[in-house]
Amino acid sequence: AASMRAWLYGIARRVAWRQRRGGGRRQRLEDAVA
């Protein structure tokens, strides 16, 4: 009954957090978007 995109985004959000955390000083979100 829920949104598939919202569910996938929640998973992607956690994956992205792990990627950034594991990358040490990788670009912050502001720099990545710009």
PDB file of all heavy atoms in Angstrom:
ATOM      1  N   ALA A   1       0.830  -1.215   0.000  1.00  0.00           N
ATOM      2  CA  ALA A   1       0.000   0.000   0.000  1.00  0.00           C
ATOM      3  C   ALA A   1       0.861   1.261   0.000  1.00  0.00           C
ATOM      4  O   ALA A   1       0.347   2.367  -0.194  1.00  0.00           O
ATOM      5  CB  ALA A   1      -0.919   0.004   1.218  1.00  0.00           C
ATOM      6  N   ALA A   2       2.147   1.093   0.220  1.00  0.00           N
ATOM      7  CA  ALA A   2       3.052   2.242   0.286  1.00  0.00           C
ATOM      8  C   ALA A   2       3.611   2.571  -1.089  1.00  0.00           C
ATOM      9  O   ALA A   2       3.394   1.850  -2.071  1.00  0.00           O
ATOM     10  CB  ALA A   2       4.185   1.956   1.274  1.00  0.00           C
ATOM     11  N   SER A   3       4.374   3.667  -1.156  1.00  0.00           N
ATOM     12  CA  SER A   3       5.010   4.097  -2.402  1.00  0.00           C
ATOM     13  C   SER A   3       6.306   3.332  -2.614  1.00  0.00           C
ATOM     14  O   SER A   3       7.176   3.317  -1.738  1.00  0.00           O
ATOM     15  CB  SER A   3       5.302   5.602  -2.336  1.00  0.00           C
ATOM     16  OG  SER A   3       6.259   5.974  -3.308  1.00  0.00           O
ATOM     17  N   MET A   4       6.443   2.715  -3.784  1.00  0.00           N
ATOM     18  CA  MET A   4       7.666   1.990  -4.103  1.00  0.00           C
ATOM     19  C   MET A   4       8.865   2.935  -4.142  1.00  0.00           C
ATOM     20  O   MET A   4       9.954   2.616  -3.644  1.00  0.00           O
ATOM     21  CB  MET A   4       7.516   1.276  -5.453  1.00  0.00           C
ATOM     22  CG  MET A   4       8.781   0.574  -5.933  1.00  0.00           C
ATOM     23  SD  MET A   4       9.308  -0.748  -4.833  1.00  0.00           S
ATOM     24  CE  MET A   4       7.980  -1.940  -5.135  1.00  0.00           C
ATOM     25  N   ARG A   5       8.680   4.120  -4.722  1.00  0.00           N
ATOM     26  CA  ARG A   5       9.794   5.058  -4.817  1.00  0.00           C
ATOM     27  C   ARG A   5      10.225   5.549  -3.439  1.00  0.00           C
ATOM     28  O   ARG A   5      11.418   5.713  -3.182  1.00  0.00           O
ATOM     29  CB  ARG A   5       9.439   6.230  -5.728  1.00  0.00           C
ATOM     30  CG  ARG A   5       9.330   5.849  -7.189  1.00  0.00           C
ATOM     31  CD  ARG A   5       9.510   7.041  -8.099  1.00  0.00           C
ATOM     32  NE  ARG A   5       8.511   8.085  -7.861  1.00  0.00           N
ATOM     33  CZ  ARG A   5       8.550   9.289  -8.405  1.00  0.00           C
ATOM     34  NH1 ARG A   5       9.531   9.624  -9.226  1.00  0.00           N
ATOM     35  NH2 ARG A   5       7.613  10.174  -8.157  1.00  0.00           N
ATOM     36  N   ALA A   6       9.268   5.777  -2.546  1.00  0.00           N
ATOM     37  CA  ALA A   6       9.625   6.198  -1.195  1.00  0.00           C
ATOM     38  C   ALA A   6      10.417   5.099  -0.485  1.00  0.00           C
ATOM     39  O   ALA A   6      11.401   5.375   0.216  1.00  0.00           O
ATOM     40  CB  ALA A   6       8.372   6.540  -0.398  1.00  0.00           C
ATOM     41  N   TRP A   7      10.012   3.849  -0.675  1.00  0.00           N
ATOM     42  CA  TRP A   7      10.712   2.716  -0.058  1.00  0.00           C
ATOM     43  C   TRP A   7      12.136   2.608  -0.612  1.00  0.00           C
ATOM     44  O   TRP A   7      13.094   2.460   0.141  1.00  0.00           O
ATOM     45  CB  TRP A   7       9.917   1.445  -0.312  1.00  0.00           C
ATOM     46  CG  TRP A   7      10.468   0.205   0.337  1.00  0.00           C
ATOM     47  CD1 TRP A   7      10.555  -0.048   1.683  1.00  0.00           C
ATOM     48  CD2 TRP A   7      10.985  -0.953  -0.336  1.00  0.00           C
ATOM     49  NE1 TRP A   7      11.097  -1.305   1.875  1.00  0.00           N
ATOM     50  CE2 TRP A   7      11.368  -1.876   0.672  1.00  0.00           C
ATOM     51  CE3 TRP A   7      11.144  -1.301  -1.670  1.00  0.00           C
ATOM     52  CZ2 TRP A   7      11.911  -3.126   0.362  1.00  0.00           C
ATOM     53  CZ3 TRP A   7      11.678  -2.548  -1.975  1.00  0.00           C
ATOM     54  CH2 TRP A   7      12.053  -3.439  -0.973  1.00  0.00           C
ATOM     55  N   LEU A   8      12.267   2.676  -1.923  1.00  0.00           N
ATOM     56  CA  LEU A   8      13.590   2.590  -2.544  1.00  0.00           C
ATOM     57  C   LEU A   8      14.466   3.777  -2.141  1.00  0.00           C
ATOM     58  O   LEU A   8      15.675   3.620  -1.924  1.00  0.00           O
ATOM     59  CB  LEU A   8      13.460   2.535  -4.070  1.00  0.00           C
ATOM     60  CG  LEU A   8      12.974   1.215  -4.655  1.00  0.00           C
ATOM     61  CD1 LEU A   8      12.699   1.365  -6.149  1.00  0.00           C
ATOM     62  CD2 LEU A   8      13.975   0.088  -4.412  1.00  0.00           C
ATOM     63  N   TYR A   9      13.866   4.945  -2.030  1.00  0.00           N
ATOM     64  CA  TYR A   9      14.643   6.112  -1.627  1.00  0.00           C
ATOM     65  C   TYR A   9      15.183   5.937  -0.211  1.00  0.00           C
ATOM     66  O   TYR A   9      16.331   6.298   0.078  1.00  0.00           O
ATOM     67  CB  TYR A   9      13.809   7.389  -1.706  1.00  0.00           C
ATOM     68  CG  TYR A   9      14.599   8.632  -1.364  1.00  0.00           C
ATOM     69  CD1 TYR A   9      15.394   9.252  -2.316  1.00  0.00           C
ATOM     70  CD2 TYR A   9      14.589   9.160  -0.067  1.00  0.00           C
ATOM     71  CE1 TYR A   9      16.143  10.379  -2.001  1.00  0.00           C
ATOM     72  CE2 TYR A   9      15.331  10.281   0.259  1.00  0.00           C
ATOM     73  CZ  TYR A   9      16.106  10.877  -0.723  1.00  0.00           C
ATOM     74  OH  TYR A   9      16.860  11.981  -0.411  1.00  0.00           O
ATOM     75  N   GLY A  10      14.362   5.387   0.670  1.00  0.00           N
ATOM     76  CA  GLY A  10      14.820   5.136   2.026  1.00  0.00           C
ATOM     77  C   GLY A  10      16.028   4.211   2.050  1.00  0.00           C
ATOM     78  O   GLY A  10      16.983   4.424   2.811  1.00  0.00           O
ATOM     79  N   ILE A  11      16.013   3.177   1.206  1.00  0.00           N
ATOM     80  CA  ILE A  11      17.156   2.263   1.106  1.00  0.00           C
ATOM     81  C   ILE A  11      18.357   2.993   0.519  1.00  0.00           C
ATOM     82  O   ILE A  11      19.484   2.898   1.030  1.00  0.00           O
ATOM     83  CB  ILE A  11      16.795   1.042   0.241  1.00  0.00           C
ATOM     84  CG1 ILE A  11      15.696   0.219   0.917  1.00  0.00           C
ATOM     85  CG2 ILE A  11      18.029   0.170  -0.009  1.00  0.00           C
ATOM     86  CD1 ILE A  11      15.145  -0.898   0.056  1.00  0.00           C
ATOM     87  N   ALA A  12      18.137   3.737  -0.566  1.00  0.00           N
ATOM     88  CA  ALA A  12      19.229   4.471  -1.218  1.00  0.00           C
ATOM     89  C   ALA A  12      19.854   5.481  -0.256  1.00  0.00           C
ATOM     90  O   ALA A  12      21.075   5.696  -0.264  1.00  0.00           O
ATOM     91  CB  ALA A  12      18.714   5.180  -2.461  1.00  0.00           C
ATOM     92  N   ARG A  13      19.040   6.086   0.562  1.00  0.00           N
ATOM     93  CA  ARG A  13      19.531   7.079   1.524  1.00  0.00           C
ATOM     94  C   ARG A  13      20.516   6.438   2.504  1.00  0.00           C
ATOM     95  O   ARG A  13      21.556   7.010   2.817  1.00  0.00           O
ATOM     96  CB  ARG A  13      18.328   7.657   2.266  1.00  0.00           C
ATOM     97  CG  ARG A  13      18.556   9.008   2.917  1.00  0.00           C
ATOM     98  CD  ARG A  13      17.215   9.536   3.405  1.00  0.00           C
ATOM     99  NE  ARG A  13      17.334  10.876   3.950  1.00  0.00           N
ATOM    100  CZ  ARG A  13      16.923  11.211   5.161  1.00  0.00           C
ATOM    101  NH1 ARG A  13      16.397  10.311   5.961  1.00  0.00           N
ATOM    102  NH2 ARG A  13      17.044  12.448   5.577  1.00  0.00           N
ATOM    103  N   ARG A  14      20.176   5.240   2.984  1.00  0.00           N
ATOM    104  CA  ARG A  14      21.075   4.544   3.912  1.00  0.00           C
ATOM    105  C   ARG A  14      22.349   4.074   3.206  1.00  0.00           C
ATOM    106  O   ARG A  14      23.446   4.137   3.771  1.00  0.00           O
ATOM    107  CB  ARG A  14      20.342   3.372   4.562  1.00  0.00           C
ATOM    108  CG  ARG A  14      19.262   3.808   5.545  1.00  0.00           C
ATOM    109  CD  ARG A  14      18.696   2.650   6.310  1.00  0.00           C
ATOM    110  NE  ARG A  14      17.901   1.780   5.464  1.00  0.00           N
ATOM    111  CZ  ARG A  14      16.613   1.938   5.218  1.00  0.00           C
ATOM    112  NH1 ARG A  14      15.967   2.983   5.731  1.00  0.00           N
ATOM    113  NH2 ARG A  14      15.949   1.091   4.454  1.00  0.00           N
ATOM    114  N   VAL A  15      22.193   3.609   1.968  1.00  0.00           N
ATOM    115  CA  VAL A  15      23.372   3.194   1.192  1.00  0.00           C
ATOM    116  C   VAL A  15      24.300   4.385   0.970  1.00  0.00           C
ATOM    117  O   VAL A  15      25.525   4.273   1.122  1.00  0.00           O
ATOM    118  CB  VAL A  15      22.941   2.579  -0.160  1.00  0.00           C
ATOM    119  CG1 VAL A  15      24.148   2.414  -1.094  1.00  0.00           C
ATOM    120  CG2 VAL A  15      22.267   1.221   0.056  1.00  0.00           C
ATOM    121  N   ALA A  16      23.729   5.532   0.613  1.00  0.00           N
ATOM    122  CA  ALA A  16      24.538   6.734   0.377  1.00  0.00           C
ATOM    123  C   ALA A  16      25.255   7.165   1.651  1.00  0.00           C
ATOM    124  O   ALA A  16      26.425   7.576   1.611  1.00  0.00           O
ATOM    125  CB  ALA A  16      23.653   7.870  -0.147  1.00  0.00           C
ATOM    126  N   TRP A  17      24.569   7.057   2.777  1.00  0.00           N
ATOM    127  CA  TRP A  17      25.194   7.421   4.052  1.00  0.00           C
ATOM    128  C   TRP A  17      26.396   6.526   4.334  1.00  0.00           C
ATOM    129  O   TRP A  17      27.459   7.015   4.739  1.00  0.00           O
ATOM    130  CB  TRP A  17      24.166   7.296   5.171  1.00  0.00           C
ATOM    131  CG  TRP A  17      24.740   7.637   6.527  1.00  0.00           C
ATOM    132  CD1 TRP A  17      24.913   8.875   7.074  1.00  0.00           C
ATOM    133  CD2 TRP A  17      25.239   6.712   7.504  1.00  0.00           C
ATOM    134  NE1 TRP A  17      25.475   8.781   8.329  1.00  0.00           N
ATOM    135  CE2 TRP A  17      25.688   7.472   8.617  1.00  0.00           C
ATOM    136  CE3 TRP A  17      25.333   5.322   7.551  1.00  0.00           C
ATOM    137  CZ2 TRP A  17      26.227   6.879   9.756  1.00  0.00           C
ATOM    138  CZ3 TRP A  17      25.878   4.732   8.691  1.00  0.00           C
ATOM    139  CH2 TRP A  17      26.323   5.498   9.773  1.00  0.00           C
ATOM    140  N   ARG A  18      26.254   5.247   4.082  1.00  0.00           N
ATOM    141  CA  ARG A  18      27.373   4.325   4.302  1.00  0.00           C
ATOM    142  C   ARG A  18      28.525   4.633   3.345  1.00  0.00           C
ATOM    143  O   ARG A  18      29.696   4.562   3.723  1.00  0.00           O
ATOM    144  CB  ARG A  18      26.921   2.872   4.141  1.00  0.00           C
ATOM    145  CG  ARG A  18      26.042   2.379   5.275  1.00  0.00           C
ATOM    146  CD  ARG A  18      25.973   0.871   5.277  1.00  0.00           C
ATOM    147  NE  ARG A  18      25.422   0.340   4.044  1.00  0.00           N
ATOM    148  CZ  ARG A  18      24.125   0.114   3.842  1.00  0.00           C
ATOM    149  NH1 ARG A  18      23.248   0.390   4.790  1.00  0.00           N
ATOM    150  NH2 ARG A  18      23.709  -0.380   2.697  1.00  0.00           N
ATOM    151  N   GLN A  19      28.188   4.975   2.105  1.00  0.00           N
ATOM    152  CA  GLN A  19      29.225   5.299   1.124  1.00  0.00           C
ATOM    153  C   GLN A  19      30.005   6.534   1.562  1.00  0.00           C
ATOM    154  O   GLN A  19      31.234   6.567   1.506  1.00  0.00           O
ATOM    155  CB  GLN A  19      28.598   5.547  -0.251  1.00  0.00           C
ATOM    156  CG  GLN A  19      28.114   4.296  -0.957  1.00  0.00           C
ATOM    157  CD  GLN A  19      29.218   3.639  -1.761  1.00  0.00           C
ATOM    158  OE1 GLN A  19      30.342   4.111  -1.800  1.00  0.00           O
ATOM    159  NE2 GLN A  19      28.889   2.535  -2.398  1.00  0.00           N
ATOM    160  N   ARG A  20      29.285   7.550   2.000  1.00  0.00           N
ATOM    161  CA  ARG A  20      29.953   8.787   2.424  1.00  0.00           C
ATOM    162  C   ARG A  20      30.770   8.563   3.683  1.00  0.00           C
ATOM    163  O   ARG A  20      31.885   9.054   3.810  1.00  0.00           O
ATOM    164  CB  ARG A  20      28.928   9.904   2.654  1.00  0.00           C
ATOM    165  CG  ARG A  20      28.175  10.349   1.413  1.00  0.00           C
ATOM    166  CD  ARG A  20      27.554  11.725   1.612  1.00  0.00           C
ATOM    167  NE  ARG A  20      26.729  11.792   2.803  1.00  0.00           N
ATOM    168  CZ  ARG A  20      25.436  11.491   2.835  1.00  0.00           C
ATOM    169  NH1 ARG A  20      24.828  11.072   1.736  1.00  0.00           N
ATOM    170  NH2 ARG A  20      24.749  11.610   3.951  1.00  0.00           N
ATOM    171  N   ARG A  21      30.228   7.818   4.611  1.00  0.00           N
ATOM    172  CA  ARG A  21      30.919   7.539   5.872  1.00  0.00           C
ATOM    173  C   ARG A  21      32.186   6.727   5.618  1.00  0.00           C
ATOM    174  O   ARG A  21      33.232   6.972   6.217  1.00  0.00           O
ATOM    175  CB  ARG A  21      29.983   6.768   6.804  1.00  0.00           C
ATOM    176  CG  ARG A  21      30.532   6.540   8.199  1.00  0.00           C
ATOM    177  CD  ARG A  21      29.408   6.067   9.100  1.00  0.00           C
ATOM    178  NE  ARG A  21      29.897   5.835  10.462  1.00  0.00           N
ATOM    179  CZ  ARG A  21      30.128   4.638  10.977  1.00  0.00           C
ATOM    180  NH1 ARG A  21      29.935   3.563  10.248  1.00  0.00           N
ATOM    181  NH2 ARG A  21      30.552   4.507  12.215  1.00  0.00           N
ATOM    182  N   GLY A  22      32.102   5.768   4.706  1.00  0.00           N
ATOM    183  CA  GLY A  22      33.254   4.935   4.407  1.00  0.00           C
ATOM    184  C   GLY A  22      34.309   5.665   3.607  1.00  0.00           C
ATOM    185  O   GLY A  22      35.466   5.268   3.575  1.00  0.00           O
ATOM    186  N   GLY A  23      33.921   6.767   2.962  1.00  0.00           N
ATOM    187  CA  GLY A  23      34.848   7.495   2.107  1.00  0.00           C
ATOM    188  C   GLY A  23      35.646   8.563   2.827  1.00  0.00           C
ATOM    189  O   GLY A  23      36.408   9.291   2.197  1.00  0.00           O
ATOM    190  N   GLY A  24      35.462   8.699   4.130  1.00  0.00           N
ATOM    191  CA  GLY A  24      36.242   9.672   4.895  1.00  0.00           C
ATOM    192  C   GLY A  24      35.887  11.087   4.520  1.00  0.00           C
ATOM    193  O   GLY A  24      34.792  11.562   4.811  1.00  0.00           O
ATOM    194  N   ARG A  25      36.795  11.754   3.799  1.00  0.00           N
ATOM    195  CA  ARG A  25      36.592  13.168   3.476  1.00  0.00           C
ATOM    196  C   ARG A  25      35.989  13.358   2.094  1.00  0.00           C
ATOM    197  O   ARG A  25      36.248  14.359   1.445  1.00  0.00           O
ATOM    198  CB  ARG A  25      37.920  13.912   3.562  1.00  0.00           C
ATOM    199  CG  ARG A  25      38.474  13.964   4.974  1.00  0.00           C
ATOM    200  CD  ARG A  25      39.700  14.825   5.033  1.00  0.00           C
ATOM    201  NE  ARG A  25      40.170  14.975   6.402  1.00  0.00           N
ATOM    202  CZ  ARG A  25      41.227  15.685   6.748  1.00  0.00           C
ATOM    203  NH1 ARG A  25      41.940  16.306   5.809  1.00  0.00           N
ATOM    204  NH2 ARG A  25      41.598  15.769   8.001  1.00  0.00           N
ATOM    205  N   ARG A  26      35.164  12.405   1.670  1.00  0.00           N
ATOM    206  CA  ARG A  26      34.518  12.544   0.370  1.00  0.00           C
ATOM    207  C   ARG A  26      33.660  13.806   0.338  1.00  0.00           C
ATOM    208  O   ARG A  26      33.225  14.295   1.368  1.00  0.00           O
ATOM    209  CB  ARG A  26      33.638  11.316   0.133  1.00  0.00           C
ATOM    210  CG  ARG A  26      33.870  10.664  -1.206  1.00  0.00           C
ATOM    211  CD  ARG A  26      33.098   9.373  -1.275  1.00  0.00           C
ATOM    212  NE  ARG A  26      34.005   8.273  -1.402  1.00  0.00           N
ATOM    213  CZ  ARG A  26      33.681   7.023  -1.187  1.00  0.00           C
ATOM    214  NH1 ARG A  26      32.489   6.705  -0.789  1.00  0.00           N
ATOM    215  NH2 ARG A  26      34.562   6.074  -1.351  1.00  0.00           N
ATOM    216  N   GLN A  27      33.388  14.285  -0.832  1.00  0.00           N
ATOM    217  CA  GLN A  27      32.618  15.529  -0.971  1.00  0.00           C
ATOM    218  C   GLN A  27      31.320  15.462  -0.193  1.00  0.00           C
ATOM    219  O   GLN A  27      30.621  14.456  -0.222  1.00  0.00           O
ATOM    220  CB  GLN A  27      32.262  15.756  -2.449  1.00  0.00           C
ATOM    221  CG  GLN A  27      33.437  16.138  -3.321  1.00  0.00           C
ATOM    222  CD  GLN A  27      32.991  16.276  -4.749  1.00  0.00           C
ATOM    223  OE1 GLN A  27      32.256  15.443  -5.257  1.00  0.00           O
ATOM    224  NE2 GLN A  27      33.448  17.315  -5.400  1.00  0.00           N
ATOM    225  N   ARG A  28      31.012  16.564   0.460  1.00  0.00           N
ATOM    226  CA  ARG A  28      29.722  16.682   1.132  1.00  0.00           C
ATOM    227  C   ARG A  28      28.623  16.874   0.087  1.00  0.00           C
ATOM    228  O   ARG A  28      28.896  17.127  -1.079  1.00  0.00           O
ATOM    229  CB  ARG A  28      29.742  17.880   2.086  1.00  0.00           C
ATOM    230  CG  ARG A  28      30.723  17.688   3.245  1.00  0.00           C
ATOM    231  CD  ARG A  28      30.721  18.917   4.133  1.00  0.00           C
ATOM    232  NE  ARG A  28      29.396  19.150   4.707  1.00  0.00           N
ATOM    233  CZ  ARG A  28      28.957  18.535   5.794  1.00  0.00           C
ATOM    234  NH1 ARG A  28      29.713  17.662   6.419  1.00  0.00           N
ATOM    235  NH2 ARG A  28      27.745  18.795   6.258  1.00  0.00           N
ATOM    236  N   LEU A  29      27.382  16.749   0.525  1.00  0.00           N
ATOM    237  CA  LEU A  29      26.253  16.816  -0.405  1.00  0.00           C
ATOM    238  C   LEU A  29      26.221  18.138  -1.163  1.00  0.00           C
ATOM    239  O   LEU A  29      25.938  18.167  -2.360  1.00  0.00           O
ATOM    240  CB  LEU A  29      24.939  16.630   0.366  1.00  0.00           C
ATOM    241  CG  LEU A  29      23.655  16.662  -0.450  1.00  0.00           C
ATOM    242  CD1 LEU A  29      23.684  15.568  -1.520  1.00  0.00           C
ATOM    243  CD2 LEU A  29      22.444  16.475   0.441  1.00  0.00           C
ATOM    244  N   GLU A  30      26.563  19.240  -0.487  1.00  0.00           N
ATOM    245  CA  GLU A  30      26.541  20.529  -1.184  1.00  0.00           C
ATOM    246  C   GLU A  30      27.463  20.521  -2.396  1.00  0.00           C
ATOM    247  O   GLU A  30      27.095  20.987  -3.469  1.00  0.00           O
ATOM    248  CB  GLU A  30      26.957  21.656  -0.225  1.00  0.00           C
ATOM    249  CG  GLU A  30      25.952  21.968   0.860  1.00  0.00           C
ATOM    250  CD  GLU A  30      26.129  21.070   2.070  1.00  0.00           C
ATOM    251  OE1 GLU A  30      26.914  20.109   1.998  1.00  0.00           O
ATOM    252  OE2 GLU A  30      25.477  21.337   3.081  1.00  0.00           O
ATOM    253  N   ASP A  31      28.672  20.005  -2.222  1.00  0.00           N
ATOM    254  CA  ASP A  31      29.641  19.968  -3.308  1.00  0.00           C
ATOM    255  C   ASP A  31      29.216  18.979  -4.380  1.00  0.00           C
ATOM    256  O   ASP A  31      29.405  19.210  -5.572  1.00  0.00           O
ATOM    257  CB  ASP A  31      31.022  19.584  -2.780  1.00  0.00           C
ATOM    258  CG  ASP A  31      31.577  20.613  -1.813  1.00  0.00           C
ATOM    259  OD1 ASP A  31      31.242  21.800  -1.980  1.00  0.00           O
ATOM    260  OD2 ASP A  31      32.313  20.225  -0.899  1.00  0.00           O
ATOM    261  N   ALA A  32      28.611  17.841  -3.952  1.00  0.00           N
ATOM    262  CA  ALA A  32      28.221  16.816  -4.915  1.00  0.00           C
ATOM    263  C   ALA A  32      27.140  17.332  -5.855  1.00  0.00           C
ATOM    264  O   ALA A  32      27.174  17.080  -7.050  1.00  0.00           O
ATOM    265  CB  ALA A  32      27.723  15.574  -4.182  1.00  0.00           C
ATOM    266  N   VAL A  33      26.164  18.075  -5.304  1.00  0.00           N
ATOM    267  CA  VAL A  33      25.100  18.594  -6.155  1.00  0.00           C
ATOM    268  C   VAL A  33      25.647  19.649  -7.104  1.00  0.00           C
ATOM    269  O   VAL A  33      25.375  19.655  -8.304  1.00  0.00           O
ATOM    270  CB  VAL A  33      23.953  19.179  -5.299  1.00  0.00           C
ATOM    271  CG1 VAL A  33      22.931  19.876  -6.178  1.00  0.00           C
ATOM    272  CG2 VAL A  33      23.287  18.063  -4.502  1.00  0.00           C
ATOM    273  N   ALA A  34      26.477  20.547  -6.563  1.00  0.00           N
ATOM    274  CA  ALA A  34      27.018  21.620  -7.390  1.00  0.00           C
ATOM    275  C   ALA A  34      27.919  21.089  -8.496  1.00  0.00           C
ATOM    276  O   ALA A  34      27.974  21.654  -9.588  1.00  0.00           O
ATOM    277  CB  ALA A  34      27.801  22.602  -6.522  1.00  0.00           C
TER     278      ALA A  34
END
